[in-house]
C-alpha atoms as a PDB file:
ATOM      1  CA  MET A   1      -8.389   7.236   6.429  1.00  0.00           C
ATOM      2  CA  PRO A   2      -8.038  10.647   4.758  1.00  0.00           C
ATOM      3  CA  ALA A   3     -11.179  11.638   2.882  1.00  0.00           C
ATOM      4  CA  LEU A   4      -9.968  13.512  -0.159  1.00  0.00           C
ATOM      5  CA  ALA A   5     -12.409  15.880  -1.788  1.00  0.00           C
ATOM      6  CA  VAL A   6     -12.526  15.946  -5.575  1.00  0.00           C
ATOM      7  CA  SER A   7     -10.838  19.132  -6.721  1.00  0.00           C
ATOM      8  CA  ALA A   8     -12.852  21.666  -8.696  1.00  0.00           C
ATOM      9  CA  THR A   9      -9.922  21.927 -11.105  1.00  0.00           C
ATOM     10  CA  PRO A  10      -8.418  18.455 -11.117  1.00  0.00           C
ATOM     11  CA  ALA A  11      -5.030  17.699 -12.534  1.00  0.00           C
ATOM     12  CA  PRO A  12      -4.941  16.187 -16.010  1.00  0.00           C
ATOM     13  CA  ALA A  13      -6.044  12.560 -16.143  1.00  0.00           C
ATOM     14  CA  THR A  14      -2.611  11.421 -17.285  1.00  0.00           C
ATOM     15  CA  SER A  15      -0.862  12.959 -14.249  1.00  0.00           C
ATOM     16  CA  THR A  16      -3.528  11.571 -11.892  1.00  0.00           C
ATOM     17  CA  LYS A  17      -2.958   8.097 -13.292  1.00  0.00           C
ATOM     18  CA  GLY A  18       0.783   8.542 -13.041  1.00  0.00           C
ATOM     19  CA  VAL A  19       0.640   9.644  -9.407  1.00  0.00           C
ATOM     20  CA  ALA A  20      -1.688   6.747  -8.560  1.00  0.00           C
ATOM     21  CA  ALA A  21       0.646   4.265 -10.280  1.00  0.00           C
ATOM     22  CA  TRP A  22       3.596   5.654  -8.319  1.00  0.00           C
ATOM     23  CA  LEU A  23       1.684   5.235  -5.050  1.00  0.00           C
ATOM     24  CA  PHE A  24       0.729   1.657  -5.931  1.00  0.00           C
ATOM     25  CA  VAL A  25       4.411   0.899  -6.606  1.00  0.00           C
ATOM     26  CA  CYS A  26       5.257   2.266  -3.157  1.00  0.00           C
ATOM     27  CA  CYS A  27       2.508   0.093  -1.654  1.00  0.00           C
ATOM     28  CA  ALA A  28       3.900  -2.959  -3.432  1.00  0.00           C
ATOM     29  CA  MET A  29       7.372  -2.205  -2.082  1.00  0.00           C
ATOM     30  CA  ILE A  30       6.018  -1.874   1.459  1.00  0.00           C
ATOM     31  CA  PHE A  31       4.230  -5.202   1.002  1.00  0.00           C
ATOM     32  CA  VAL A  32       7.555  -6.808   0.053  1.00  0.00           C
ATOM     33  CA  MET A  33       9.177  -5.040   3.011  1.00  0.00           C
ATOM     34  CA  VAL A  34       6.677  -6.599   5.422  1.00  0.00           C
ATOM     35  CA  LEU A  35       7.391 -10.011   3.908  1.00  0.00           C
ATOM     36  CA  LEU A  36      11.151  -9.438   4.192  1.00  0.00           C
ATOM     37  CA  GLY A  37      10.697  -8.355   7.788  1.00  0.00           C
ATOM     38  CA  GLY A  38       8.837 -11.558   8.550  1.00  0.00           C
ATOM     39  CA  VAL A  39      11.541 -13.728   7.003  1.00  0.00           C
ATOM     40  CA  THR A  40      14.220 -11.719   8.826  1.00  0.00           C
ATOM     41  CA  ARG A  41      12.466 -12.369  12.099  1.00  0.00           C
ATOM     42  CA  LEU A  42      11.826 -16.046  11.379  1.00  0.00           C
ATOM     43  CA  THR A  43      15.442 -16.719  10.394  1.00  0.00           C
ATOM     44  CA  HIS A  44      16.744 -14.855  13.475  1.00  0.00           C
ATOM     45  CA  SER A  45      18.675 -12.476  11.246  1.00  0.00           C
ATOM     46  CA  GLY A  46      17.487  -9.156  12.664  1.00  0.00           C
ATOM     47  CA  LEU A  47      20.262  -8.734  15.242  1.00  0.00           C
ATOM     48  CA  SER A  48      23.151  -9.485  12.903  1.00  0.00           C
ATOM     49  CA  ILE A  49      23.882  -5.807  12.153  1.00  0.00           C
ATOM     50  CA  VAL A  50      24.553  -4.013  15.425  1.00  0.00           C
ATOM     51  CA  ALA A  51      24.849  -0.425  14.158  1.00  0.00           C
ATOM     52  CA  TRP A  52      22.433   1.949  12.469  1.00  0.00           C
ATOM     53  CA  GLN A  53      24.069   3.901   9.645  1.00  0.00           C
ATOM     54  CA  PRO A  54      21.356   5.574   7.546  1.00  0.00           C
ATOM     55  CA  LEU A  55      23.891   6.803   4.959  1.00  0.00           C
ATOM     56  CA  LEU A  56      26.876   4.439   5.066  1.00  0.00           C
ATOM     57  CA  GLY A  57      24.602   1.455   5.593  1.00  0.00           C
ATOM     58  CA  TRP A  58      24.080   1.252   1.832  1.00  0.00           C
ATOM     59  CA  ILE A  59      27.592  -0.186   1.463  1.00  0.00           C
ATOM     60  CA  PRO A  60      27.999  -3.927   2.204  1.00  0.00           C
ATOM     61  CA  PRO A  61      31.303  -5.402   3.444  1.00  0.00           C
ATOM     62  CA  LEU A  62      33.739  -5.462   0.534  1.00  0.00           C
ATOM     63  CA  SER A  63      36.741  -7.210   2.072  1.00  0.00           C
ATOM     64  CA  HIS A  64      37.583 -10.025   4.436  1.00  0.00           C
ATOM     65  CA  ALA A  65      38.700  -7.477   7.022  1.00  0.00           C
ATOM     66  CA  ALA A  66      35.319  -5.743   6.819  1.00  0.00           C
ATOM     67  CA  TRP A  67      33.560  -9.068   7.340  1.00  0.00           C
ATOM     68  CA  GLN A  68      35.763  -9.821  10.337  1.00  0.00           C
ATOM     69  CA  GLU A  69      34.947  -6.442  11.883  1.00  0.00           C
ATOM     70  CA  LEU A  70      31.197  -6.993  11.481  1.00  0.00           C
ATOM     71  CA  PHE A  71      31.440 -10.495  12.907  1.00  0.00           C
ATOM     72  CA  ARG A  72      33.417  -9.271  15.935  1.00  0.00           C
ATOM     73  CA  ALA A  73      30.687  -6.713  16.611  1.00  0.00           C
ATOM     74  CA  TYR A  74      28.053  -9.453  16.407  1.00  0.00           C
ATOM     75  CA  GLN A  75      30.078 -11.659  18.774  1.00  0.00           C
ATOM     76  CA  ALA A  76      29.609  -9.015  21.478  1.00  0.00           C
ATOM     77  CA  THR A  77      25.802  -9.331  21.356  1.00  0.00           C
ATOM     78  CA  PRO A  78      23.661 -11.398  23.745  1.00  0.00           C
ATOM     79  CA  GLU A  79      22.348 -13.431  20.792  1.00  0.00           C
ATOM     80  CA  PHE A  80      25.822 -14.685  19.909  1.00  0.00           C
ATOM     81  CA  GLN A  81      26.959 -15.183  23.490  1.00  0.00           C
ATOM     82  CA  LYS A  82      23.811 -16.987  24.682  1.00  0.00           C
ATOM     83  CA  ILE A  83      22.624 -18.805  21.554  1.00  0.00           C
ATOM     84  CA  ASN A  84      25.018 -18.681  18.588  1.00  0.00           C
ATOM     85  CA  HIS A  85      28.363 -18.917  20.418  1.00  0.00           C
ATOM     86  CA  ALA A  86      29.528 -21.696  18.082  1.00  0.00           C
ATOM     87  CA  MET A  87      28.688 -19.744  14.909  1.00  0.00           C
ATOM     88  CA  THR A  88      31.447 -19.278  12.325  1.00  0.00           C
ATOM     89  CA  LEU A  89      31.949 -16.369   9.954  1.00  0.00           C
ATOM     90  CA  ALA A  90      30.578 -18.491   7.095  1.00  0.00           C
ATOM     91  CA  GLU A  91      27.418 -19.149   9.105  1.00  0.00           C
ATOM     92  CA  PHE A  92      27.139 -15.474  10.020  1.00  0.00           C
ATOM     93  CA  LYS A  93      27.077 -14.236   6.430  1.00  0.00           C
ATOM     94  CA  PRO A  94      23.573 -15.561   5.495  1.00  0.00           C
ATOM     95  CA  ILE A  95      21.887 -13.867   8.452  1.00  0.00           C
ATOM     96  CA  PHE A  96      23.838 -10.683   7.745  1.00  0.00           C
ATOM     97  CA  TRP A  97      22.669 -10.624   4.133  1.00  0.00           C
ATOM     98  CA  MET A  98      19.057 -11.171   5.179  1.00  0.00           C
ATOM     99  CA  GLU A  99      19.117  -8.176   7.510  1.00  0.00           C
ATOM    100  CA  TYR A 100      21.143  -6.133   5.006  1.00  0.00           C
ATOM    101  CA  VAL A 101      18.552  -6.717   2.252  1.00  0.00           C
ATOM    102  CA  HIS A 102      15.764  -5.821   4.685  1.00  0.00           C
ATOM    103  CA  ARG A 103      17.418  -2.510   5.563  1.00  0.00           C
ATOM    104  CA  LEU A 104      18.446  -1.807   1.965  1.00  0.00           C
ATOM    105  CA  TRP A 105      14.876  -2.347   0.754  1.00  0.00           C
ATOM    106  CA  GLY A 106      13.667   0.162   3.344  1.00  0.00           C
ATOM    107  CA  ARG A 107      16.108   2.756   2.031  1.00  0.00           C
ATOM    108  CA  LEU A 108      15.011   2.034  -1.550  1.00  0.00           C
ATOM    109  CA  ILE A 109      11.386   2.650  -0.559  1.00  0.00           C
ATOM    110  CA  GLY A 110      12.441   6.067   0.721  1.00  0.00           C
ATOM    111  CA  VAL A 111      14.180   6.865  -2.575  1.00  0.00           C
ATOM    112  CA  VAL A 112      11.305   5.571  -4.723  1.00  0.00           C
ATOM    113  CA  PHE A 113       8.910   7.724  -2.717  1.00  0.00           C
ATOM    114  CA  LEU A 114      10.941  10.917  -2.341  1.00  0.00           C
ATOM    115  CA  VAL A 115      12.539  11.323  -5.777  1.00  0.00           C
ATOM    116  CA  PRO A 116       9.320  10.975  -7.861  1.00  0.00           C
ATOM    117  CA  PHE A 117       7.519  13.216  -5.373  1.00  0.00           C
ATOM    118  CA  LEU A 118      10.077  15.999  -5.835  1.00  0.00           C
ATOM    119  CA  VAL A 119      10.087  15.587  -9.631  1.00  0.00           C
ATOM    120  CA  LEU A 120       6.293  15.439  -9.949  1.00  0.00           C
ATOM    121  CA  ALA A 121       5.844  18.395  -7.594  1.00  0.00           C
ATOM    122  CA  ALA A 122       8.396  20.469  -9.518  1.00  0.00           C
ATOM    123  CA  ARG A 123       6.532  19.740 -12.753  1.00  0.00           C
ATOM    124  CA  GLY A 124       3.167  20.667 -11.256  1.00  0.00           C
ATOM    125  CA  LYS A 125       1.809  17.136 -11.604  1.00  0.00           C
ATOM    126  CA  ILE A 126       0.681  16.897  -7.970  1.00  0.00           C
ATOM    127  CA  GLU A 127      -2.312  18.849  -6.759  1.00  0.00           C
ATOM    128  CA  SER A 128      -1.705  21.153  -3.814  1.00  0.00           C
ATOM    129  CA  ARG A 129      -4.254  19.333  -1.648  1.00  0.00           C
ATOM    130  CA  LEU A 130      -2.165  16.141  -1.872  1.00  0.00           C
ATOM    131  CA  LYS A 131       1.228  17.575  -0.943  1.00  0.00           C
ATOM    132  CA  PRO A 132       0.622  17.704   2.849  1.00  0.00           C
ATOM    133  CA  HIS A 133      -0.402  14.043   2.729  1.00  0.00           C
ATOM    134  CA  PHE A 134       2.816  13.084   0.958  1.00  0.00           C
ATOM    135  CA  VAL A 135       4.925  15.090   3.397  1.00  0.00           C
ATOM    136  CA  ALA A 136       3.168  13.280   6.249  1.00  0.00           C
ATOM    137  CA  VAL A 137       3.866   9.907   4.637  1.00  0.00           C
ATOM    138  CA  PHE A 138       7.551  10.737   4.245  1.00  0.00           C
ATOM    139  CA  ALA A 139       7.742  11.832   7.898  1.00  0.00           C
ATOM    140  CA  LEU A 140       6.121   8.543   8.915  1.00  0.00           C
ATOM    141  CA  GLY A 141       8.708   6.706   6.812  1.00  0.00           C
ATOM    142  CA  LEU A 142      11.558   8.435   8.647  1.00  0.00           C
ATOM    143  CA  PHE A 143       9.909   7.604  11.953  1.00  0.00           C
ATOM    144  CA  GLN A 144       9.569   3.977  10.860  1.00  0.00           C
ATOM    145  CA  GLY A 145      13.279   3.732  10.123  1.00  0.00           C
ATOM    146  CA  ALA A 146      14.145   5.102  13.568  1.00  0.00           C
ATOM    147  CA  LEU A 147      11.569   2.793  15.151  1.00  0.00           C
ATOM    148  CA  GLY A 148      13.171  -0.191  13.428  1.00  0.00           C
ATOM    149  CA  TRP A 149      16.524   0.646  14.973  1.00  0.00           C
ATOM    150  CA  TYR A 150      14.844   1.248  18.368  1.00  0.00           C
ATOM    151  CA  MET A 151      13.405  -2.252  18.054  1.00  0.00           C
ATOM    152  CA  VAL A 152      16.776  -3.813  17.159  1.00  0.00           C
ATOM    153  CA  LYS A 153      18.474  -2.052  20.094  1.00  0.00           C
ATOM    154  CA  SER A 154      16.185  -3.891  22.507  1.00  0.00           C
ATOM    155  CA  GLY A 155      17.864  -7.156  21.503  1.00  0.00           C
ATOM    156  CA  LEU A 156      21.434  -5.895  21.889  1.00  0.00           C
ATOM    157  CA  VAL A 157      21.469  -5.260  25.628  1.00  0.00           C
ATOM    158  CA  ASP A 158      20.479  -8.178  27.860  1.00  0.00           C
ATOM    159  CA  ARG A 159      18.036 -10.505  26.129  1.00  0.00           C
ATOM    160  CA  PRO A 160      18.908 -12.173  22.791  1.00  0.00           C
ATOM    161  CA  ASP A 161      15.656 -11.084  21.175  1.00  0.00           C
ATOM    162  CA  VAL A 162      13.810  -7.884  20.360  1.00  0.00           C
ATOM    163  CA  SER A 163      11.031  -6.484  22.508  1.00  0.00           C
ATOM    164  CA  PRO A 164       7.586  -7.803  21.446  1.00  0.00           C
ATOM    165  CA  TYR A 165       6.157  -4.349  22.128  1.00  0.00           C
ATOM    166  CA  ARG A 166       8.627  -2.660  19.796  1.00  0.00           C
ATOM    167  CA  LEU A 167       8.155  -5.396  17.202  1.00  0.00           C
ATOM    168  CA  ALA A 168       4.390  -4.806  17.244  1.00  0.00           C
ATOM    169  CA  ALA A 169       4.908  -1.038  16.987  1.00  0.00           C
ATOM    170  CA  HIS A 170       7.257  -1.503  14.019  1.00  0.00           C
ATOM    171  CA  LEU A 171       4.796  -3.741  12.176  1.00  0.00           C
ATOM    172  CA  GLY A 172       1.860  -1.516  13.051  1.00  0.00           C
ATOM    173  CA  THR A 173       3.597   1.556  11.655  1.00  0.00           C
ATOM    174  CA  ALA A 174       4.318  -0.302   8.412  1.00  0.00           C
ATOM    175  CA  PHE A 175       0.617  -1.190   8.142  1.00  0.00           C
ATOM    176  CA  ALA A 176      -0.358   2.418   8.868  1.00  0.00           C
ATOM    177  CA  ILE A 177       1.928   3.854   6.170  1.00  0.00           C
ATOM    178  CA  TYR A 178       0.699   1.241   3.712  1.00  0.00           C
ATOM    179  CA  ALA A 179      -2.944   2.051   4.497  1.00  0.00           C
ATOM    180  CA  TYR A 180      -2.354   5.780   4.085  1.00  0.00           C
ATOM    181  CA  LEU A 181      -0.732   5.358   0.672  1.00  0.00           C
ATOM    182  CA  LEU A 182      -3.297   2.814  -0.501  1.00  0.00           C
ATOM    183  CA  TRP A 183      -6.227   5.042   0.420  1.00  0.00           C
ATOM    184  CA  LEU A 184      -4.657   8.008  -1.362  1.00  0.00           C
ATOM    185  CA  ALA A 185      -4.037   5.865  -4.446  1.00  0.00           C
ATOM    186  CA  LEU A 186      -7.600   4.545  -4.471  1.00  0.00           C
ATOM    187  CA  ASP A 187      -8.948   8.086  -4.166  1.00  0.00           C
ATOM    188  CA  LEU A 188      -6.937   9.065  -7.227  1.00  0.00           C
ATOM    189  CA  VAL A 189      -7.968   6.015  -9.245  1.00  0.00           C
ATOM    190  CA  TYR A 190     -11.657   6.568  -8.623  1.00  0.00           C
ATOM    191  CA  ALA A 191     -11.632  10.385  -8.500  1.00  0.00           C
ATOM    192  CA  ARG A 192     -12.930  10.678 -12.075  1.00  0.00           C
ATOM    193  CA  LYS A 193     -15.458   7.899 -11.645  1.00  0.00           C
ATOM    194  CA  THR A 194     -17.984   9.780  -9.550  1.00  0.00           C
ATOM    195  CA  TYR A 195     -20.674   7.408  -8.422  1.00  0.00           C
ATOM    196  CA  ALA A 196     -23.420   7.246  -5.824  1.00  0.00           C
ATOM    197  CA  PRO A 197     -23.664   3.836  -4.148  1.00  0.00           C
ATOM    198  CA  PRO A 198     -27.090   2.841  -2.868  1.00  0.00           C
ATOM    199  CA  ALA A 199     -27.895   4.271   0.569  1.00  0.00           C
ATOM    200  CA  ALA A 200     -27.699   0.831   2.191  1.00  0.00           C
ATOM    201  CA  ALA A 201     -24.193   0.315   0.832  1.00  0.00           C
ATOM    202  CA  ARG A 202     -23.082   3.749   2.015  1.00  0.00           C
ATOM    203  CA  ARG A 203     -24.193   2.872   5.542  1.00  0.00           C
ATOM    204  CA  LEU A 204     -21.989  -0.224   5.445  1.00  0.00           C
ATOM    205  CA  TRP A 205     -18.684   1.355   4.499  1.00  0.00           C
ATOM    206  CA  ARG A 206     -17.917   2.194   8.111  1.00  0.00           C
ATOM    207  CA  GLY A 207     -18.534  -1.450   8.948  1.00  0.00           C
ATOM    208  CA  ALA A 208     -15.885  -2.461   6.437  1.00  0.00           C
ATOM    209  CA  LEU A 209     -13.525   0.127   7.918  1.00  0.00           C
ATOM    210  CA  ALA A 210     -14.180  -1.280  11.405  1.00  0.00           C
ATOM    211  CA  LEU A 211     -13.321  -4.752  10.094  1.00  0.00           C
ATOM    212  CA  ALA A 212     -10.089  -3.325   8.683  1.00  0.00           C
ATOM    213  CA  GLY A 213      -9.365  -2.079  12.206  1.00  0.00           C
ATOM    214  CA  LEU A 214     -10.017  -5.564  13.598  1.00  0.00           C
ATOM    215  CA  VAL A 215      -7.644  -7.076  11.031  1.00  0.00           C
ATOM    216  CA  PHE A 216      -5.045  -4.492  12.068  1.00  0.00           C
ATOM    217  CA  VAL A 217      -5.402  -5.352  15.769  1.00  0.00           C
ATOM    218  CA  THR A 218      -5.214  -9.068  14.972  1.00  0.00           C
ATOM    219  CA  ALA A 219      -1.979  -8.477  13.046  1.00  0.00           C
ATOM    220  CA  LEU A 220      -0.536  -6.611  16.031  1.00  0.00           C
ATOM    221  CA  ALA A 221      -1.510  -9.553  18.241  1.00  0.00           C
ATOM    222  CA  GLY A 222       0.325 -11.767  15.743  1.00  0.00           C
ATOM    223  CA  ALA A 223       3.421  -9.599  16.205  1.00  0.00           C
ATOM    224  CA  ILE A 224       3.219 -10.198  19.957  1.00  0.00           C
ATOM    225  CA  VAL A 225       2.949 -13.928  19.212  1.00  0.00           C
ATOM    226  CA  ALA A 226       6.100 -13.688  17.083  1.00  0.00           C
ATOM    227  CA  GLY A 227       7.928 -11.562  19.641  1.00  0.00           C
ATOM    228  CA  THR A 228       7.254 -14.024  22.466  1.00  0.00           C
ATOM    229  CA  ASP A 229       7.764 -17.137  20.277  1.00  0.00           C
ATOM    230  CA  ALA A 230       4.266 -18.184  21.340  1.00  0.00           C
ATOM    231  CA  GLY A 231       3.704 -19.986  18.049  1.00  0.00           C
ATOM    232  CA  PHE A 232       6.089 -22.728  19.137  1.00  0.00           C
ATOM    233  CA  ALA A 233       3.787 -23.739  22.009  1.00  0.00           C
ATOM    234  CA  TYR A 234       0.291 -25.225  22.060  1.00  0.00           C
ATOM    235  CA  ASN A 235       0.631 -26.582  18.525  1.00  0.00           C
ATOM    236  CA  THR A 236      -2.872 -28.031  18.364  1.00  0.00           C
ATOM    237  CA  PHE A 237      -6.164 -26.594  17.193  1.00  0.00           C
ATOM    238  CA  PRO A 238      -8.795 -25.767  18.358  1.00  0.00           C
ATOM    239  CA  LEU A 239      -7.710 -27.000  21.816  1.00  0.00           C
ATOM    240  CA  MET A 240      -4.726 -25.666  23.741  1.00  0.00           C
ATOM    241  CA  ASP A 241      -3.193 -28.305  26.005  1.00  0.00           C
ATOM    242  CA  GLY A 242      -6.456 -30.234  25.749  1.00  0.00           C
ATOM    243  CA  ARG A 243      -8.615 -27.259  26.712  1.00  0.00           C
ATOM    244  CA  LEU A 244     -10.464 -24.519  24.842  1.00  0.00           C
ATOM    245  CA  ILE A 245      -9.062 -22.000  27.331  1.00  0.00           C
ATOM    246  CA  PRO A 246      -5.549 -22.876  28.539  1.00  0.00           C
ATOM    247  CA  GLN A 247      -5.116 -23.247  32.271  1.00  0.00           C
ATOM    248  CA  ALA A 248      -2.089 -20.950  32.390  1.00  0.00           C
ATOM    249  CA  ILE A 249      -3.878 -18.021  30.771  1.00  0.00           C
ATOM    250  CA  LEU A 250      -3.790 -15.749  33.844  1.00  0.00           C
ATOM    251  CA  ASP A 251      -0.595 -16.845  35.583  1.00  0.00           C
ATOM    252  CA  LEU A 252       1.039 -13.394  35.577  1.00  0.00           C
ATOM    253  CA  HIS A 253       0.238 -10.425  37.803  1.00  0.00           C
ATOM    254  CA  PRO A 254      -1.074  -7.846  37.269  1.00  0.00           C
ATOM    255  CA  TRP A 255      -3.591  -9.585  35.012  1.00  0.00           C
ATOM    256  CA  TYR A 256      -3.129  -7.377  31.937  1.00  0.00           C
ATOM    257  CA  ARG A 257       0.500  -8.468  31.540  1.00  0.00           C
ATOM    258  CA  ASN A 258      -0.738 -11.895  30.485  1.00  0.00           C
ATOM    259  CA  PHE A 259      -2.005 -10.620  27.132  1.00  0.00           C
ATOM    260  CA  PHE A 260       1.446  -9.350  26.179  1.00  0.00           C
ATOM    261  CA  GLU A 261       3.923 -11.582  28.035  1.00  0.00           C
ATOM    262  CA  ASN A 262       2.193 -14.872  28.914  1.00  0.00           C
ATOM    263  CA  ILE A 263       2.618 -17.286  25.985  1.00  0.00           C
ATOM    264  CA  ALA A 264      -0.686 -19.050  26.688  1.00  0.00           C
ATOM    265  CA  ALA A 265      -2.689 -15.814  26.835  1.00  0.00           C
ATOM    266  CA  VAL A 266      -0.837 -14.256  23.896  1.00  0.00           C
ATOM    267  CA  GLN A 267      -1.605 -17.167  21.604  1.00  0.00           C
ATOM    268  CA  PHE A 268      -5.185 -17.515  22.887  1.00  0.00           C
ATOM    269  CA  THR A 269      -5.840 -13.817  22.240  1.00  0.00           C
ATOM    270  CA  HIS A 270      -4.538 -14.071  18.682  1.00  0.00           C
ATOM    271  CA  ARG A 271      -6.706 -17.141  18.037  1.00  0.00           C
ATOM    272  CA  VAL A 272      -9.843 -15.443  19.384  1.00  0.00           C
ATOM    273  CA  LEU A 273      -9.226 -12.272  17.381  1.00  0.00           C
ATOM    274  CA  ALA A 274      -8.566 -14.248  14.181  1.00  0.00           C
ATOM    275  CA  ILE A 275     -11.678 -16.431  14.454  1.00  0.00           C
ATOM    276  CA  THR A 276     -13.797 -13.416  15.439  1.00  0.00           C
ATOM    277  CA  ALA A 277     -12.526 -11.509  12.407  1.00  0.00           C
ATOM    278  CA  LEU A 278     -13.283 -14.441  10.108  1.00  0.00           C
ATOM    279  CA  VAL A 279     -16.848 -14.840  11.416  1.00  0.00           C
ATOM    280  CA  LEU A 280     -17.565 -11.115  11.196  1.00  0.00           C
ATOM    281  CA  VAL A 281     -16.116 -10.832   7.677  1.00  0.00           C
ATOM    282  CA  LEU A 282     -18.269 -13.719   6.442  1.00  0.00           C
ATOM    283  CA  LEU A 283     -21.383 -12.272   8.138  1.00  0.00           C
ATOM    284  CA  PHE A 284     -20.573  -8.900   6.593  1.00  0.00           C
ATOM    285  CA  ARG A 285     -20.313 -10.491   3.163  1.00  0.00           C
ATOM    286  CA  LEU A 286     -23.700 -12.170   3.660  1.00  0.00           C
ATOM    287  CA  ARG A 287     -25.134  -8.790   4.594  1.00  0.00           C
ATOM    288  CA  LEU A 288     -23.705  -7.280   1.437  1.00  0.00           C
ATOM    289  CA  ALA A 289     -25.272 -10.090  -0.624  1.00  0.00           C
ATOM    290  CA  ARG A 290     -28.653  -8.518   0.146  1.00  0.00           C
ATOM    291  CA  THR A 291     -27.441  -5.070  -0.890  1.00  0.00           C
ATOM    292  CA  ASP A 292     -27.311  -3.516  -4.333  1.00  0.00           C
ATOM    293  CA  LEU A 293     -23.595  -3.080  -4.992  1.00  0.00           C
ATOM    294  CA  THR A 294     -21.443  -1.753  -7.794  1.00  0.00           C
ATOM    295  CA  ALA A 295     -19.361  -4.373  -9.610  1.00  0.00           C
ATOM    296  CA  SER A 296     -16.117  -3.086  -8.078  1.00  0.00           C
ATOM    297  CA  ALA A 297     -17.594  -3.163  -4.554  1.00  0.00           C
ATOM    298  CA  ARG A 298     -18.761  -6.737  -5.066  1.00  0.00           C
ATOM    299  CA  ARG A 299     -15.296  -7.796  -6.289  1.00  0.00           C
ATOM    300  CA  ALA A 300     -13.680  -6.154  -3.278  1.00  0.00           C
ATOM    301  CA  ALA A 301     -16.077  -7.809  -0.825  1.00  0.00           C
ATOM    302  CA  ASP A 302     -15.639 -11.225  -2.454  1.00  0.00           C
ATOM    303  CA  THR A 303     -11.853 -10.844  -2.243  1.00  0.00           C
ATOM    304  CA  PHE A 304     -12.117  -9.771   1.395  1.00  0.00           C
ATOM    305  CA  ALA A 305     -14.132 -12.860   2.366  1.00  0.00           C
ATOM    306  CA  ALA A 306     -11.914 -15.251   0.381  1.00  0.00           C
ATOM    307  CA  LEU A 307      -8.703 -13.867   1.867  1.00  0.00           C
ATOM    308  CA  ALA A 308     -10.153 -14.121   5.383  1.00  0.00           C
ATOM    309  CA  LEU A 309     -10.654 -17.846   4.860  1.00  0.00           C
ATOM    310  CA  VAL A 310      -7.175 -18.264   3.372  1.00  0.00           C
ATOM    311  CA  GLN A 311      -5.528 -16.287   6.165  1.00  0.00           C
ATOM    312  CA  VAL A 312      -7.116 -18.319   8.953  1.00  0.00           C
ATOM    313  CA  GLY A 313      -6.130 -21.490   7.101  1.00  0.00           C
ATOM    314  CA  LEU A 314      -2.536 -20.259   6.868  1.00  0.00           C
ATOM    315  CA  GLY A 315      -2.511 -19.396  10.553  1.00  0.00           C
ATOM    316  CA  ILE A 316      -3.783 -22.807  11.661  1.00  0.00           C
ATOM    317  CA  SER A 317      -1.364 -24.585   9.319  1.00  0.00           C
ATOM    318  CA  THR A 318       1.549 -22.514  10.614  1.00  0.00           C
ATOM    319  CA  LEU A 319       0.624 -23.440  14.173  1.00  0.00           C
ATOM    320  CA  LEU A 320       0.119 -27.158  13.560  1.00  0.00           C
ATOM    321  CA  LEU A 321       3.400 -27.480  11.625  1.00  0.00           C
ATOM    322  CA  VAL A 322       5.305 -25.547  14.328  1.00  0.00           C
ATOM    323  CA  VAL A 323       6.090 -22.375  12.401  1.00  0.00           C
ATOM    324  CA  PRO A 324       7.910 -23.400   9.199  1.00  0.00           C
ATOM    325  CA  VAL A 325       9.511 -20.288   7.718  1.00  0.00           C
ATOM    326  CA  PRO A 326       7.770 -20.283   4.278  1.00  0.00           C
ATOM    327  CA  LEU A 327       4.317 -20.831   5.784  1.00  0.00           C
ATOM    328  CA  ALA A 328       4.826 -18.324   8.595  1.00  0.00           C
ATOM    329  CA  ALA A 329       6.066 -15.710   6.106  1.00  0.00           C
ATOM    330  CA  ALA A 330       3.015 -16.356   3.917  1.00  0.00           C
ATOM    331  CA  HIS A 331       0.828 -15.881   6.995  1.00  0.00           C
ATOM    332  CA  GLN A 332       2.369 -12.473   7.689  1.00  0.00           C
ATOM    333  CA  ALA A 333       1.970 -11.459   4.050  1.00  0.00           C
ATOM    334  CA  GLY A 334      -1.604 -12.743   4.197  1.00  0.00           C
ATOM    335  CA  ALA A 335      -2.359 -10.357   7.060  1.00  0.00           C
ATOM    336  CA  LEU A 336      -1.399  -7.377   4.898  1.00  0.00           C
ATOM    337  CA  ALA A 337      -3.284  -8.785   1.905  1.00  0.00           C
ATOM    338  CA  LEU A 338      -6.408  -9.157   4.057  1.00  0.00           C
ATOM    339  CA  PHE A 339      -5.939  -5.607   5.375  1.00  0.00           C
ATOM    340  CA  THR A 340      -5.695  -4.426   1.766  1.00  0.00           C
ATOM    341  CA  ALA A 341      -8.966  -6.137   0.847  1.00  0.00           C
ATOM    342  CA  ALA A 342     -10.693  -4.621   3.882  1.00  0.00           C
ATOM    343  CA  LEU A 343      -9.606  -1.099   2.912  1.00  0.00           C
ATOM    344  CA  TRP A 344     -10.539  -1.674  -0.727  1.00  0.00           C
ATOM    345  CA  THR A 345     -14.005  -2.866   0.319  1.00  0.00           C
ATOM    346  CA  ALA A 346     -14.509   0.148   2.591  1.00  0.00           C
ATOM    347  CA  HIS A 347     -13.390   2.494  -0.174  1.00  0.00           C
ATOM    348  CA  ARG A 348     -15.762   0.988  -2.745  1.00  0.00           C
ATOM    349  CA  LEU A 349     -18.732   1.223  -0.380  1.00  0.00           C
ATOM    350  CA  ARG A 350     -17.980   4.862   0.391  1.00  0.00           C
ATOM    351  CA  ALA A 351     -19.617   7.540  -1.733  1.00  0.00           C
ATOM    352  CA  ALA A 352     -17.245   9.513  -3.934  1.00  0.00           C
END
């Protein structure tokens, strides 16, 4: 995370608060975007729009002829030909709208980020030290849009589904952009509240950051689960096919392919990472209980531990009920919420 030094001549408090509020709005929009992406994936809507039009893509179909043209393009895809060959235009429209809203929301995030940035910068409301960070975030946003289309393209050639690797990269980039913006916003919020946490707490902030990294890796493993449809198999817990370690875990060669392409190994890996993260988060919270903390650090740590419990509960429930869309979407949103709490905890344990 970027460590932002407190400027010797800080911007006025009002502009600092305004910039922080703007960044939090962008974070909230990215959070919604991740949720929309999950629902798009779960409803198999992501391959309904077969072209990437960054500018003209704002405009939805406005006539029956336009709808027919879009549907004909979809009919040429492997998903239609191999799975949805009986789909009618009326049945196509809901999945189109889901993907359209997902893409539209991504474009709106770009506007909500870029326009205020240009206005605030022109008015001198953004400190010079922050501008390179914001330029980097915008560049990452452009890359994310291109990566999303690269992901969709993988499902338009031979297989009627997107590449799990590209899906994980797309989700991971969203998490990275979110983390960058959140850390910048937290730095601004607490910039005028200089404090010196106890030495023991300062030594623990890197531990919280490491746990945030573990949550991130676990979320990426969840994306591989989604990309391989591994959640629809082994719908028991804690056993998998009556065993703690499934028999088919190393069926593929070379061995490392199993952890990305073998459904048994993919799901087992996600389970192990999730339970490991939960245990370590709870142990970390117990360690913090013996440490003198600020009130905000204690709130962050309590939230982190509580969300870890909720997230594992959501994951197990999603598995046992065979991936119902609302529960699975809540599980994906829960991953980002847990990541947020981890970053917040690390930030509050770090000395200003």
